[in-house]
Amino acid sequence: MTIFFIDTNILWWYFVKNSKYHKSVKKFLDPLILDTENSFIVNEFVMIEFPFFYICNILILAVY
């Protein structure tokens, strides 16, 4: 089981269709959200702006 700690802000970006980063963030999150073995727990994280998209710095990634 893989546990991802993700803040709700990243989900907000996921659903903002007018954002120019929407497609990149959606592409990043889709595999995680669609994988039923993943558990999402809200935690704090940092959004780092890159020239092409926003990426989240996941603080804790526990892989079992």
N, C-alpha and C. Protein backbone atom coordinates (compact mmCIF):
# COMPACT_ATOMS: atom_id res chain seq x y z
N MET A 1 0.85 -1.19 0.00
CA MET A 1 0.00 0.00 0.00
C MET A 1 0.88 1.24 0.00
N THR A 2 0.53 2.22 -0.81
CA THR A 2 1.27 3.47 -0.88
C THR A 2 0.42 4.58 -0.28
N ILE A 3 1.01 5.35 0.62
CA ILE A 3 0.28 6.45 1.25
C ILE A 3 0.87 7.77 0.78
N PHE A 4 0.04 8.61 0.18
CA PHE A 4 0.46 9.93 -0.25
C PHE A 4 -0.18 10.97 0.65
N PHE A 5 0.62 11.90 1.12
CA PHE A 5 0.12 13.00 1.93
C PHE A 5 -0.02 14.21 1.02
N ILE A 6 -1.23 14.59 0.72
CA ILE A 6 -1.47 15.65 -0.25
C ILE A 6 -2.41 16.70 0.34
N ASP A 7 -2.04 17.95 0.17
CA ASP A 7 -2.87 19.05 0.65
C ASP A 7 -4.06 19.25 -0.28
N THR A 8 -5.14 19.80 0.25
CA THR A 8 -6.33 20.03 -0.58
C THR A 8 -6.09 21.07 -1.65
N ASN A 9 -5.07 21.91 -1.51
CA ASN A 9 -4.78 22.93 -2.52
C ASN A 9 -4.43 22.30 -3.86
N ILE A 10 -3.73 21.17 -3.83
CA ILE A 10 -3.36 20.53 -5.10
C ILE A 10 -4.62 20.02 -5.79
N LEU A 11 -5.61 19.59 -5.00
CA LEU A 11 -6.87 19.14 -5.59
C LEU A 11 -7.64 20.32 -6.16
N TRP A 12 -7.47 21.48 -5.52
CA TRP A 12 -8.10 22.69 -6.06
C TRP A 12 -7.54 22.98 -7.44
N TRP A 13 -6.24 22.92 -7.62
CA TRP A 13 -5.62 23.14 -8.93
C TRP A 13 -6.13 22.10 -9.94
N TYR A 14 -6.34 20.91 -9.45
CA TYR A 14 -6.80 19.82 -10.32
C TYR A 14 -8.13 20.16 -10.98
N PHE A 15 -9.01 20.83 -10.25
CA PHE A 15 -10.35 21.10 -10.75
C PHE A 15 -10.52 22.49 -11.36
N VAL A 16 -9.48 23.31 -11.35
CA VAL A 16 -9.58 24.64 -11.94
C VAL A 16 -9.31 24.54 -13.44
N LYS A 17 -10.36 24.51 -14.21
CA LYS A 17 -10.23 24.28 -15.65
C LYS A 17 -9.58 25.46 -16.37
N ASN A 18 -9.71 26.65 -15.82
CA ASN A 18 -9.16 27.83 -16.49
C ASN A 18 -7.68 28.03 -16.20
N SER A 19 -7.14 27.22 -15.31
CA SER A 19 -5.72 27.36 -14.99
C SER A 19 -4.87 26.84 -16.16
N LYS A 20 -3.83 27.58 -16.49
CA LYS A 20 -2.96 27.12 -17.58
C LYS A 20 -2.15 25.90 -17.17
N TYR A 21 -2.15 25.60 -15.86
CA TYR A 21 -1.43 24.43 -15.36
C TYR A 21 -2.35 23.24 -15.15
N HIS A 22 -3.63 23.40 -15.46
CA HIS A 22 -4.63 22.37 -15.17
C HIS A 22 -4.27 21.02 -15.77
N LYS A 23 -3.90 21.02 -17.05
CA LYS A 23 -3.62 19.75 -17.72
C LYS A 23 -2.41 19.04 -17.13
N SER A 24 -1.39 19.80 -16.79
CA SER A 24 -0.18 19.19 -16.22
C SER A 24 -0.46 18.59 -14.85
N VAL A 25 -1.21 19.34 -14.03
CA VAL A 25 -1.52 18.85 -12.69
C VAL A 25 -2.46 17.66 -12.78
N LYS A 26 -3.43 17.73 -13.67
CA LYS A 26 -4.37 16.62 -13.85
C LYS A 26 -3.63 15.36 -14.30
N LYS A 27 -2.69 15.53 -15.22
CA LYS A 27 -1.91 14.39 -15.71
C LYS A 27 -1.10 13.77 -14.58
N PHE A 28 -0.61 14.61 -13.66
CA PHE A 28 0.17 14.12 -12.52
C PHE A 28 -0.72 13.38 -11.52
N LEU A 29 -1.92 13.93 -11.27
CA LEU A 29 -2.79 13.36 -10.23
C LEU A 29 -3.63 12.18 -10.69
N ASP A 30 -3.98 12.13 -11.96
CA ASP A 30 -4.87 11.07 -12.45
C ASP A 30 -4.40 9.66 -12.06
N PRO A 31 -3.15 9.30 -12.30
CA PRO A 31 -2.71 7.95 -11.94
C PRO A 31 -2.82 7.68 -10.44
N LEU A 32 -2.61 8.71 -9.64
CA LEU A 32 -2.69 8.53 -8.19
C LEU A 32 -4.13 8.35 -7.74
N ILE A 33 -5.01 9.18 -8.29
CA ILE A 33 -6.41 9.14 -7.88
C ILE A 33 -7.09 7.87 -8.38
N LEU A 34 -6.74 7.44 -9.58
CA LEU A 34 -7.39 6.28 -10.17
C LEU A 34 -6.87 4.96 -9.61
N ASP A 35 -5.73 5.00 -8.93
CA ASP A 35 -5.17 3.79 -8.32
C ASP A 35 -5.87 3.55 -6.99
N THR A 36 -6.70 2.53 -6.93
CA THR A 36 -7.51 2.29 -5.72
C THR A 36 -6.68 1.84 -4.53
N GLU A 37 -5.43 1.50 -4.76
CA GLU A 37 -4.58 1.08 -3.65
C GLU A 37 -3.96 2.27 -2.93
N ASN A 38 -4.13 3.45 -3.50
CA ASN A 38 -3.56 4.65 -2.88
C ASN A 38 -4.54 5.22 -1.87
N SER A 39 -4.01 5.66 -0.76
CA SER A 39 -4.81 6.34 0.26
C SER A 39 -4.33 7.78 0.34
N PHE A 40 -5.27 8.71 0.32
CA PHE A 40 -4.91 10.11 0.36
C PHE A 40 -5.21 10.68 1.74
N ILE A 41 -4.21 11.27 2.35
CA ILE A 41 -4.35 11.88 3.66
C ILE A 41 -3.95 13.34 3.53
N VAL A 42 -4.81 14.24 4.00
CA VAL A 42 -4.52 15.67 3.88
C VAL A 42 -3.39 16.06 4.82
N ASN A 43 -2.42 16.73 4.30
CA ASN A 43 -1.30 17.21 5.09
C ASN A 43 -0.77 18.46 4.41
N GLU A 44 0.18 19.11 5.05
CA GLU A 44 0.76 20.32 4.47
C GLU A 44 1.83 19.96 3.45
N PHE A 45 1.91 20.73 2.43
CA PHE A 45 2.97 20.56 1.46
C PHE A 45 3.26 21.90 0.81
N VAL A 46 4.31 21.95 0.04
CA VAL A 46 4.74 23.20 -0.58
C VAL A 46 4.55 23.11 -2.09
N MET A 47 3.93 24.14 -2.64
CA MET A 47 3.79 24.21 -4.09
C MET A 47 5.01 24.95 -4.63
N ILE A 48 5.71 24.33 -5.53
CA ILE A 48 6.89 24.94 -6.13
C ILE A 48 6.57 25.27 -7.59
N GLU A 49 6.77 26.50 -7.96
CA GLU A 49 6.45 26.90 -9.33
C GLU A 49 7.62 26.61 -10.26
N PHE A 50 7.35 25.89 -11.31
CA PHE A 50 8.32 25.64 -12.36
C PHE A 50 7.82 26.32 -13.63
N PRO A 51 8.68 26.48 -14.60
CA PRO A 51 8.26 27.17 -15.83
C PRO A 51 7.06 26.51 -16.51
N PHE A 52 6.90 25.22 -16.39
CA PHE A 52 5.86 24.53 -17.15
C PHE A 52 4.66 24.09 -16.32
N PHE A 53 4.85 23.89 -15.06
CA PHE A 53 3.72 23.44 -14.24
C PHE A 53 4.04 23.57 -12.76
N TYR A 54 3.01 23.41 -11.95
CA TYR A 54 3.20 23.38 -10.50
C TYR A 54 3.35 21.93 -10.07
N ILE A 55 4.28 21.70 -9.18
CA ILE A 55 4.47 20.34 -8.68
C ILE A 55 4.46 20.40 -7.16
N CYS A 56 3.90 19.41 -6.56
CA CYS A 56 3.85 19.43 -5.11
C CYS A 56 5.05 18.71 -4.53
N ASN A 57 5.55 19.26 -3.47
CA ASN A 57 6.64 18.64 -2.75
C ASN A 57 6.01 17.79 -1.65
N ILE A 58 5.87 16.52 -1.89
CA ILE A 58 5.22 15.63 -0.93
C ILE A 58 6.16 15.42 0.26
N LEU A 59 5.69 15.79 1.44
CA LEU A 59 6.52 15.73 2.62
C LEU A 59 6.80 14.29 3.06
N ILE A 60 5.78 13.47 3.00
CA ILE A 60 5.96 12.11 3.47
C ILE A 60 5.42 11.13 2.44
N LEU A 61 6.23 10.21 2.03
CA LEU A 61 5.80 9.18 1.09
C LEU A 61 6.18 7.83 1.68
N ALA A 62 5.20 7.13 2.19
CA ALA A 62 5.48 5.84 2.82
C ALA A 62 5.06 4.72 1.88
N VAL A 63 5.99 3.88 1.54
CA VAL A 63 5.70 2.76 0.65
C VAL A 63 5.84 1.46 1.43
N TYR A 64 4.79 0.69 1.42
CA TYR A 64 4.81 -0.59 2.13
C TYR A 64 4.85 -1.72 1.13
